[in-house]
Each structure stands twice: as structure tokens, then as C-alpha cells.
Amino acid sequence: MLALTLEEFMVELNDGAIKNVGPNNKAATVKLFDVDSAEAREFGDKRVKLVFEDEDDNEIQVSLFPEDVRSLVDDIESLEEDSPVFE
């Protein structure tokens, strides 16, 4: 399930073209639940792309620098040691 929250979001649709309306203060939150597949791959020459997909083919892609990936791996290892999720 993909949940998308858009804040302060308004666009103008005119002759098939979408145009931003108002100030540039928009924000979005995307959540993907019940992930079916997850993979990591190179993205350019300096980043790692994480790709998550659910059974409905909703997909989220996130690109991170290697140091951010290492930090995420550390967080997961800490969870494995301390969290009942991994029991």
C-alpha cells in the first residue's frame, strides 16, 4: 500500500499542462507498506539506490551516499541485537 501526503499543494491544469500555483512551500511524505521486494544498486558513480516495491507495483526509489548507507546498516545491526522484531 502506498500512502502519499501532499501539503500546501496546488497546481493549475491549463490545456493539458500542469503548472505550480502559489509559493514553493510544498512538502510530501511517501510511505510504502507491505514491501514485496527491496534491492540496492549503484546509482551514478557516487551513490547507492535503494528500490522498494509492493505487490501492486508501487515503487519508491531512494538514492544515498555510501556513508548514509553505512549508517543505515549500523542502525539495522543495532536493531538485530536489541529489538524483539528480530527474534
PDB file of N, CA and C in Angstrom:
ATOM      1  N   MET A   1       0.850  -1.178   0.000  1.00  0.00           N
ATOM      2  CA  MET A   1       0.000   0.000   0.000  1.00  0.00           C
ATOM      3  C   MET A   1       0.893   1.238   0.000  1.00  0.00           C
ATOM      4  N   LEU A   2       0.590   2.142  -0.881  1.00  0.00           N
ATOM      5  CA  LEU A   2       1.323   3.403  -0.986  1.00  0.00           C
ATOM      6  C   LEU A   2       0.461   4.513  -0.397  1.00  0.00           C
ATOM      7  N   ALA A   3       1.019   5.247   0.547  1.00  0.00           N
ATOM      8  CA  ALA A   3       0.332   6.403   1.131  1.00  0.00           C
ATOM      9  C   ALA A   3       1.115   7.648   0.761  1.00  0.00           C
ATOM     10  N   LEU A   4       0.444   8.604   0.166  1.00  0.00           N
ATOM     11  CA  LEU A   4       1.078   9.838  -0.289  1.00  0.00           C
ATOM     12  C   LEU A   4       0.351  11.016   0.342  1.00  0.00           C
ATOM     13  N   THR A   5       1.101  11.839   1.066  1.00  0.00           N
ATOM     14  CA  THR A   5       0.548  13.043   1.684  1.00  0.00           C
ATOM     15  C   THR A   5       1.227  14.250   1.060  1.00  0.00           C
ATOM     16  N   LEU A   6       0.435  15.151   0.521  1.00  0.00           N
ATOM     17  CA  LEU A   6       0.949  16.384  -0.079  1.00  0.00           C
ATOM     18  C   LEU A   6       0.423  17.562   0.725  1.00  0.00           C
ATOM     19  N   GLU A   7       1.316  18.458   1.089  1.00  0.00           N
ATOM     20  CA  GLU A   7       0.914  19.614   1.885  1.00  0.00           C
ATOM     21  C   GLU A   7       1.122  20.896   1.089  1.00  0.00           C
ATOM     22  N   GLU A   8       0.199  21.809   1.271  1.00  0.00           N
ATOM     23  CA  GLU A   8       0.256  23.099   0.576  1.00  0.00           C
ATOM     24  C   GLU A   8       0.421  22.893  -0.921  1.00  0.00           C
ATOM     25  N   PHE A   9      -0.331  21.950  -1.457  1.00  0.00           N
ATOM     26  CA  PHE A   9      -0.149  21.551  -2.843  1.00  0.00           C
ATOM     27  C   PHE A   9      -1.302  22.061  -3.700  1.00  0.00           C
ATOM     28  N   MET A  10      -0.958  22.862  -4.685  1.00  0.00           N
ATOM     29  CA  MET A  10      -1.959  23.322  -5.623  1.00  0.00           C
ATOM     30  C   MET A  10      -1.284  23.481  -6.984  1.00  0.00           C
ATOM     31  N   VAL A  11      -1.940  22.945  -8.010  1.00  0.00           N
ATOM     32  CA  VAL A  11      -1.428  23.094  -9.366  1.00  0.00           C
ATOM     33  C   VAL A  11      -2.545  23.620 -10.249  1.00  0.00           C
ATOM     34  N   GLU A  12      -2.140  24.161 -11.352  1.00  0.00           N
ATOM     35  CA  GLU A  12      -3.085  24.659 -12.341  1.00  0.00           C
ATOM     36  C   GLU A  12      -3.009  23.741 -13.555  1.00  0.00           C
ATOM     37  N   LEU A  13      -4.138  23.302 -14.035  1.00  0.00           N
ATOM     38  CA  LEU A  13      -4.201  22.487 -15.242  1.00  0.00           C
ATOM     39  C   LEU A  13      -4.797  23.348 -16.343  1.00  0.00           C
ATOM     40  N   ASN A  14      -4.003  23.621 -17.367  1.00  0.00           N
ATOM     41  CA  ASN A  14      -4.433  24.510 -18.435  1.00  0.00           C
ATOM     42  C   ASN A  14      -3.977  23.928 -19.766  1.00  0.00           C
ATOM     43  N   ASP A  15      -4.925  23.566 -20.598  1.00  0.00           N
ATOM     44  CA  ASP A  15      -4.628  22.979 -21.911  1.00  0.00           C
ATOM     45  C   ASP A  15      -3.706  21.771 -21.803  1.00  0.00           C
ATOM     46  N   GLY A  16      -3.915  20.938 -20.794  1.00  0.00           N
ATOM     47  CA  GLY A  16      -3.140  19.716 -20.630  1.00  0.00           C
ATOM     48  C   GLY A  16      -1.799  19.892 -19.954  1.00  0.00           C
ATOM     49  N   ALA A  17      -1.437  21.121 -19.605  1.00  0.00           N
ATOM     50  CA  ALA A  17      -0.158  21.374 -18.934  1.00  0.00           C
ATOM     51  C   ALA A  17      -0.401  21.599 -17.448  1.00  0.00           C
ATOM     52  N   ILE A  18       0.478  21.041 -16.635  1.00  0.00           N
ATOM     53  CA  ILE A  18       0.390  21.221 -15.188  1.00  0.00           C
ATOM     54  C   ILE A  18       1.419  22.256 -14.772  1.00  0.00           C
ATOM     55  N   LYS A  19       0.957  23.252 -14.009  1.00  0.00           N
ATOM     56  CA  LYS A  19       1.825  24.347 -13.580  1.00  0.00           C
ATOM     57  C   LYS A  19       1.663  24.558 -12.078  1.00  0.00           C
ATOM     58  N   ASN A  20       2.780  24.778 -11.398  1.00  0.00           N
ATOM     59  CA  ASN A  20       2.758  25.084  -9.973  1.00  0.00           C
ATOM     60  C   ASN A  20       1.985  26.378  -9.739  1.00  0.00           C
ATOM     61  N   VAL A  21       1.155  26.380  -8.702  1.00  0.00           N
ATOM     62  CA  VAL A  21       0.425  27.584  -8.322  1.00  0.00           C
ATOM     63  C   VAL A  21       0.832  27.929  -6.891  1.00  0.00           C
ATOM     64  N   GLY A  22       1.159  29.184  -6.661  1.00  0.00           N
ATOM     65  CA  GLY A  22       1.500  29.618  -5.319  1.00  0.00           C
ATOM     66  C   GLY A  22       2.987  29.503  -5.025  1.00  0.00           C
ATOM     67  N   PRO A  23       3.334  29.700  -3.756  1.00  0.00           N
ATOM     68  CA  PRO A  23       4.745  29.699  -3.366  1.00  0.00           C
ATOM     69  C   PRO A  23       5.346  28.293  -3.400  1.00  0.00           C
ATOM     70  N   ASN A  24       6.657  28.237  -3.290  1.00  0.00           N
ATOM     71  CA  ASN A  24       7.379  26.957  -3.298  1.00  0.00           C
ATOM     72  C   ASN A  24       7.508  26.401  -1.882  1.00  0.00           C
ATOM     73  N   ASN A  25       6.396  26.223  -1.203  1.00  0.00           N
ATOM     74  CA  ASN A  25       6.422  25.718   0.170  1.00  0.00           C
ATOM     75  C   ASN A  25       5.769  24.338   0.275  1.00  0.00           C
ATOM     76  N   LYS A  26       5.778  23.595  -0.801  1.00  0.00           N
ATOM     77  CA  LYS A  26       5.140  22.294  -0.815  1.00  0.00           C
ATOM     78  C   LYS A  26       6.013  21.256  -0.124  1.00  0.00           C
ATOM     79  N   ALA A  27       5.366  20.248   0.440  1.00  0.00           N
ATOM     80  CA  ALA A  27       6.075  19.149   1.083  1.00  0.00           C
ATOM     81  C   ALA A  27       5.320  17.861   0.800  1.00  0.00           C
ATOM     82  N   ALA A  28       6.036  16.743   0.785  1.00  0.00           N
ATOM     83  CA  ALA A  28       5.399  15.457   0.538  1.00  0.00           C
ATOM     84  C   ALA A  28       5.984  14.408   1.470  1.00  0.00           C
ATOM     85  N   THR A  29       5.138  13.486   1.861  1.00  0.00           N
ATOM     86  CA  THR A  29       5.546  12.319   2.623  1.00  0.00           C
ATOM     87  C   THR A  29       5.026  11.102   1.885  1.00  0.00           C
ATOM     88  N   VAL A  30       5.909  10.142   1.651  1.00  0.00           N
ATOM     89  CA  VAL A  30       5.517   8.917   0.959  1.00  0.00           C
ATOM     90  C   VAL A  30       5.846   7.739   1.864  1.00  0.00           C
ATOM     91  N   LYS A  31       4.887   6.841   2.010  1.00  0.00           N
ATOM     92  CA  LYS A  31       5.083   5.639   2.817  1.00  0.00           C
ATOM     93  C   LYS A  31       4.663   4.442   1.977  1.00  0.00           C
ATOM     94  N   LEU A  32       5.492   3.412   2.002  1.00  0.00           N
ATOM     95  CA  LEU A  32       5.175   2.182   1.275  1.00  0.00           C
ATOM     96  C   LEU A  32       5.154   1.040   2.282  1.00  0.00           C
ATOM     97  N   PHE A  33       4.007   0.405   2.422  1.00  0.00           N
ATOM     98  CA  PHE A  33       3.835  -0.689   3.373  1.00  0.00           C
ATOM     99  C   PHE A  33       3.763  -2.010   2.614  1.00  0.00           C
ATOM    100  N   ASP A  34       3.996  -3.095   3.310  1.00  0.00           N
ATOM    101  CA  ASP A  34       3.920  -4.435   2.720  1.00  0.00           C
ATOM    102  C   ASP A  34       4.823  -4.562   1.502  1.00  0.00           C
ATOM    103  N   VAL A  35       6.072  -4.188   1.691  1.00  0.00           N
ATOM    104  CA  VAL A  35       7.052  -4.242   0.604  1.00  0.00           C
ATOM    105  C   VAL A  35       7.277  -5.694   0.208  1.00  0.00           C
ATOM    106  N   ASP A  36       7.205  -5.949  -1.096  1.00  0.00           N
ATOM    107  CA  ASP A  36       7.405  -7.280  -1.662  1.00  0.00           C
ATOM    108  C   ASP A  36       8.864  -7.533  -2.028  1.00  0.00           C
ATOM    109  N   SER A  37       9.539  -6.488  -2.511  1.00  0.00           N
ATOM    110  CA  SER A  37      10.938  -6.650  -2.907  1.00  0.00           C
ATOM    111  C   SER A  37      11.718  -5.383  -2.562  1.00  0.00           C
ATOM    112  N   ALA A  38      12.985  -5.600  -2.267  1.00  0.00           N
ATOM    113  CA  ALA A  38      13.891  -4.488  -1.961  1.00  0.00           C
ATOM    114  C   ALA A  38      15.249  -4.838  -2.539  1.00  0.00           C
ATOM    115  N   GLU A  39      15.892  -3.854  -3.147  1.00  0.00           N
ATOM    116  CA  GLU A  39      17.221  -4.096  -3.695  1.00  0.00           C
ATOM    117  C   GLU A  39      18.063  -2.834  -3.607  1.00  0.00           C
ATOM    118  N   ALA A  40      19.365  -3.034  -3.629  1.00  0.00           N
ATOM    119  CA  ALA A  40      20.317  -1.930  -3.631  1.00  0.00           C
ATOM    120  C   ALA A  40      21.180  -2.082  -4.874  1.00  0.00           C
ATOM    121  N   ARG A  41      21.465  -0.955  -5.536  1.00  0.00           N
ATOM    122  CA  ARG A  41      22.329  -0.985  -6.717  1.00  0.00           C
ATOM    123  C   ARG A  41      23.056   0.340  -6.848  1.00  0.00           C
ATOM    124  N   GLU A  42      24.064   0.356  -7.686  1.00  0.00           N
ATOM    125  CA  GLU A  42      24.823   1.582  -7.914  1.00  0.00           C
ATOM    126  C   GLU A  42      23.937   2.614  -8.604  1.00  0.00           C
ATOM    127  N   PHE A  43      24.176   3.857  -8.248  1.00  0.00           N
ATOM    128  CA  PHE A  43      23.452   4.962  -8.871  1.00  0.00           C
ATOM    129  C   PHE A  43      24.485   6.024  -9.200  1.00  0.00           C
ATOM    130  N   GLY A  44      24.823   6.134 -10.460  1.00  0.00           N
ATOM    131  CA  GLY A  44      25.905   7.027 -10.843  1.00  0.00           C
ATOM    132  C   GLY A  44      27.209   6.476 -10.307  1.00  0.00           C
ATOM    133  N   ASP A  45      28.162   7.354 -10.045  1.00  0.00           N
ATOM    134  CA  ASP A  45      29.447   6.880  -9.546  1.00  0.00           C
ATOM    135  C   ASP A  45      29.682   7.224  -8.081  1.00  0.00           C
ATOM    136  N   LYS A  46      28.657   7.785  -7.397  1.00  0.00           N
ATOM    137  CA  LYS A  46      28.866   8.198  -6.006  1.00  0.00           C
ATOM    138  C   LYS A  46      27.739   7.810  -5.068  1.00  0.00           C
ATOM    139  N   ARG A  47      26.712   7.168  -5.561  1.00  0.00           N
ATOM    140  CA  ARG A  47      25.559   6.897  -4.706  1.00  0.00           C
ATOM    141  C   ARG A  47      25.097   5.451  -4.830  1.00  0.00           C
ATOM    142  N   VAL A  48      24.266   5.077  -3.873  1.00  0.00           N
ATOM    143  CA  VAL A  48      23.607   3.777  -3.872  1.00  0.00           C
ATOM    144  C   VAL A  48      22.111   4.045  -3.973  1.00  0.00           C
ATOM    145  N   LYS A  49      21.445   3.323  -4.860  1.00  0.00           N
ATOM    146  CA  LYS A  49      19.997   3.471  -4.994  1.00  0.00           C
ATOM    147  C   LYS A  49      19.327   2.283  -4.313  1.00  0.00           C
ATOM    148  N   LEU A  50      18.397   2.576  -3.412  1.00  0.00           N
ATOM    149  CA  LEU A  50      17.566   1.564  -2.788  1.00  0.00           C
ATOM    150  C   LEU A  50      16.204   1.610  -3.471  1.00  0.00           C
ATOM    151  N   VAL A  51      15.708   0.454  -3.887  1.00  0.00           N
ATOM    152  CA  VAL A  51      14.436   0.375  -4.604  1.00  0.00           C
ATOM    153  C   VAL A  51      13.519  -0.572  -3.840  1.00  0.00           C
ATOM    154  N   PHE A  52      12.335  -0.093  -3.506  1.00  0.00           N
ATOM    155  CA  PHE A  52      11.343  -0.870  -2.770  1.00  0.00           C
ATOM    156  C   PHE A  52      10.064  -0.942  -3.605  1.00  0.00           C
ATOM    157  N   GLU A  53       9.475  -2.137  -3.679  1.00  0.00           N
ATOM    158  CA  GLU A  53       8.264  -2.313  -4.482  1.00  0.00           C
ATOM    159  C   GLU A  53       7.280  -3.198  -3.725  1.00  0.00           C
ATOM    160  N   ASP A  54       5.972  -2.897  -3.872  1.00  0.00           N
ATOM    161  CA  ASP A  54       4.950  -3.739  -3.244  1.00  0.00           C
ATOM    162  C   ASP A  54       4.263  -4.587  -4.305  1.00  0.00           C
ATOM    163  N   GLU A  55       3.323  -5.406  -3.876  1.00  0.00           N
ATOM    164  CA  GLU A  55       2.667  -6.332  -4.811  1.00  0.00           C
ATOM    165  C   GLU A  55       1.813  -5.624  -5.859  1.00  0.00           C
ATOM    166  N   ASP A  56       1.464  -4.367  -5.632  1.00  0.00           N
ATOM    167  CA  ASP A  56       0.674  -3.603  -6.601  1.00  0.00           C
ATOM    168  C   ASP A  56       1.555  -2.812  -7.567  1.00  0.00           C
ATOM    169  N   ASP A  57       2.857  -3.096  -7.555  1.00  0.00           N
ATOM    170  CA  ASP A  57       3.849  -2.423  -8.405  1.00  0.00           C
ATOM    171  C   ASP A  57       4.060  -0.960  -8.054  1.00  0.00           C
ATOM    172  N   ASN A  58       3.665  -0.536  -6.842  1.00  0.00           N
ATOM    173  CA  ASN A  58       4.054   0.779  -6.359  1.00  0.00           C
ATOM    174  C   ASN A  58       5.532   0.698  -6.020  1.00  0.00           C
ATOM    175  N   GLU A  59       6.272   1.729  -6.369  1.00  0.00           N
ATOM    176  CA  GLU A  59       7.718   1.691  -6.187  1.00  0.00           C
ATOM    177  C   GLU A  59       8.226   2.997  -5.603  1.00  0.00           C
ATOM    178  N   ILE A  60       9.191   2.872  -4.705  1.00  0.00           N
ATOM    179  CA  ILE A  60       9.892   4.036  -4.164  1.00  0.00           C
ATOM    180  C   ILE A  60      11.375   3.807  -4.388  1.00  0.00           C
ATOM    181  N   GLN A  61      12.057   4.826  -4.904  1.00  0.00           N
ATOM    182  CA  GLN A  61      13.498   4.774  -5.095  1.00  0.00           C
ATOM    183  C   GLN A  61      14.131   5.857  -4.243  1.00  0.00           C
ATOM    184  N   VAL A  62      15.219   5.487  -3.566  1.00  0.00           N
ATOM    185  CA  VAL A  62      15.929   6.420  -2.697  1.00  0.00           C
ATOM    186  C   VAL A  62      17.406   6.315  -3.036  1.00  0.00           C
ATOM    187  N   SER A  63      18.047   7.449  -3.290  1.00  0.00           N
ATOM    188  CA  SER A  63      19.493   7.407  -3.519  1.00  0.00           C
ATOM    189  C   SER A  63      20.202   7.996  -2.302  1.00  0.00           C
ATOM    190  N   LEU A  64      21.250   7.294  -1.878  1.00  0.00           N
ATOM    191  CA  LEU A  64      22.002   7.688  -0.688  1.00  0.00           C
ATOM    192  C   LEU A  64      23.491   7.673  -0.992  1.00  0.00           C
ATOM    193  N   PHE A  65      24.235   8.521  -0.286  1.00  0.00           N
ATOM    194  CA  PHE A  65      25.689   8.456  -0.350  1.00  0.00           C
ATOM    195  C   PHE A  65      26.136   7.258   0.490  1.00  0.00           C
ATOM    196  N   PRO A  66      27.291   6.674   0.178  1.00  0.00           N
ATOM    197  CA  PRO A  66      27.756   5.487   0.900  1.00  0.00           C
ATOM    198  C   PRO A  66      27.785   5.646   2.417  1.00  0.00           C
ATOM    199  N   GLU A  67      28.165   6.815   2.922  1.00  0.00           N
ATOM    200  CA  GLU A  67      28.210   6.993   4.378  1.00  0.00           C
ATOM    201  C   GLU A  67      26.815   6.913   4.994  1.00  0.00           C
ATOM    202  N   ASP A  68      25.788   7.327   4.258  1.00  0.00           N
ATOM    203  CA  ASP A  68      24.423   7.214   4.758  1.00  0.00           C
ATOM    204  C   ASP A  68      23.963   5.755   4.752  1.00  0.00           C
ATOM    205  N   VAL A  69      24.396   4.993   3.748  1.00  0.00           N
ATOM    206  CA  VAL A  69      24.072   3.567   3.698  1.00  0.00           C
ATOM    207  C   VAL A  69      24.735   2.848   4.873  1.00  0.00           C
ATOM    208  N   ARG A  70      25.993   3.175   5.147  1.00  0.00           N
ATOM    209  CA  ARG A  70      26.700   2.555   6.274  1.00  0.00           C
ATOM    210  C   ARG A  70      25.993   2.872   7.599  1.00  0.00           C
ATOM    211  N   SER A  71      25.526   4.089   7.751  1.00  0.00           N
ATOM    212  CA  SER A  71      24.800   4.475   8.959  1.00  0.00           C
ATOM    213  C   SER A  71      23.502   3.676   9.079  1.00  0.00           C
ATOM    214  N   LEU A  72      22.815   3.488   7.974  1.00  0.00           N
ATOM    215  CA  LEU A  72      21.588   2.709   7.964  1.00  0.00           C
ATOM    216  C   LEU A  72      21.869   1.249   8.325  1.00  0.00           C
ATOM    217  N   VAL A  73      22.956   0.695   7.797  1.00  0.00           N
ATOM    218  CA  VAL A  73      23.351  -0.675   8.132  1.00  0.00           C
ATOM    219  C   VAL A  73      23.654  -0.785   9.622  1.00  0.00           C
ATOM    220  N   ASP A  74      24.333   0.209  10.186  1.00  0.00           N
ATOM    221  CA  ASP A  74      24.606   0.220  11.628  1.00  0.00           C
ATOM    222  C   ASP A  74      23.308   0.220  12.436  1.00  0.00           C
ATOM    223  N   ASP A  75      22.346   1.024  11.995  1.00  0.00           N
ATOM    224  CA  ASP A  75      21.047   1.069  12.682  1.00  0.00           C
ATOM    225  C   ASP A  75      20.374  -0.299  12.657  1.00  0.00           C
ATOM    226  N   ILE A  76      20.421  -0.971  11.517  1.00  0.00           N
ATOM    227  CA  ILE A  76      19.794  -2.287  11.386  1.00  0.00           C
ATOM    228  C   ILE A  76      20.509  -3.306  12.263  1.00  0.00           C
ATOM    229  N   GLU A  77      21.833  -3.255  12.299  1.00  0.00           N
ATOM    230  CA  GLU A  77      22.584  -4.176  13.155  1.00  0.00           C
ATOM    231  C   GLU A  77      22.251  -3.958  14.624  1.00  0.00           C
ATOM    232  N   SER A  78      22.063  -2.714  15.022  1.00  0.00           N
ATOM    233  CA  SER A  78      21.666  -2.421  16.403  1.00  0.00           C
ATOM    234  C   SER A  78      20.275  -3.002  16.699  1.00  0.00           C
ATOM    235  N   LEU A  79      19.388  -2.886  15.746  1.00  0.00           N
ATOM    236  CA  LEU A  79      18.047  -3.466  15.931  1.00  0.00           C
ATOM    237  C   LEU A  79      18.126  -4.984  16.069  1.00  0.00           C
ATOM    238  N   GLU A  80      18.988  -5.593  15.275  1.00  0.00           N
ATOM    239  CA  GLU A  80      19.133  -7.052  15.346  1.00  0.00           C
ATOM    240  C   GLU A  80      19.586  -7.489  16.735  1.00  0.00           C
ATOM    241  N   GLU A  81      20.389  -6.690  17.386  1.00  0.00           N
ATOM    242  CA  GLU A  81      20.904  -7.026  18.704  1.00  0.00           C
ATOM    243  C   GLU A  81      19.892  -6.744  19.817  1.00  0.00           C
ATOM    244  N   ASP A  82      19.121  -5.664  19.685  1.00  0.00           N
ATOM    245  CA  ASP A  82      18.316  -5.176  20.795  1.00  0.00           C
ATOM    246  C   ASP A  82      16.802  -5.259  20.625  1.00  0.00           C
ATOM    247  N   SER A  83      16.329  -5.461  19.413  1.00  0.00           N
ATOM    248  CA  SER A  83      14.894  -5.347  19.180  1.00  0.00           C
ATOM    249  C   SER A  83      14.208  -6.705  19.121  1.00  0.00           C
ATOM    250  N   PRO A  84      13.013  -6.804  19.691  1.00  0.00           N
ATOM    251  CA  PRO A  84      12.257  -8.049  19.578  1.00  0.00           C
ATOM    252  C   PRO A  84      11.777  -8.330  18.144  1.00  0.00           C
ATOM    253  N   VAL A  85      11.871  -7.343  17.270  1.00  0.00           N
ATOM    254  CA  VAL A  85      11.466  -7.533  15.878  1.00  0.00           C
ATOM    255  C   VAL A  85      12.267  -8.670  15.227  1.00  0.00           C
ATOM    256  N   PHE A  86      13.534  -8.814  15.621  1.00  0.00           N
ATOM    257  CA  PHE A  86      14.419  -9.793  15.002  1.00  0.00           C
ATOM    258  C   PHE A  86      14.477 -11.117  15.771  1.00  0.00           C
ATOM    259  N   GLU A  87      13.608 -11.324  16.727  1.00  0.00           N
ATOM    260  CA  GLU A  87      13.624 -12.582  17.497  1.00  0.00           C
ATOM    261  C   GLU A  87      12.908 -13.678  16.760  1.00  0.00           C
TER     262      GLU A  87
END
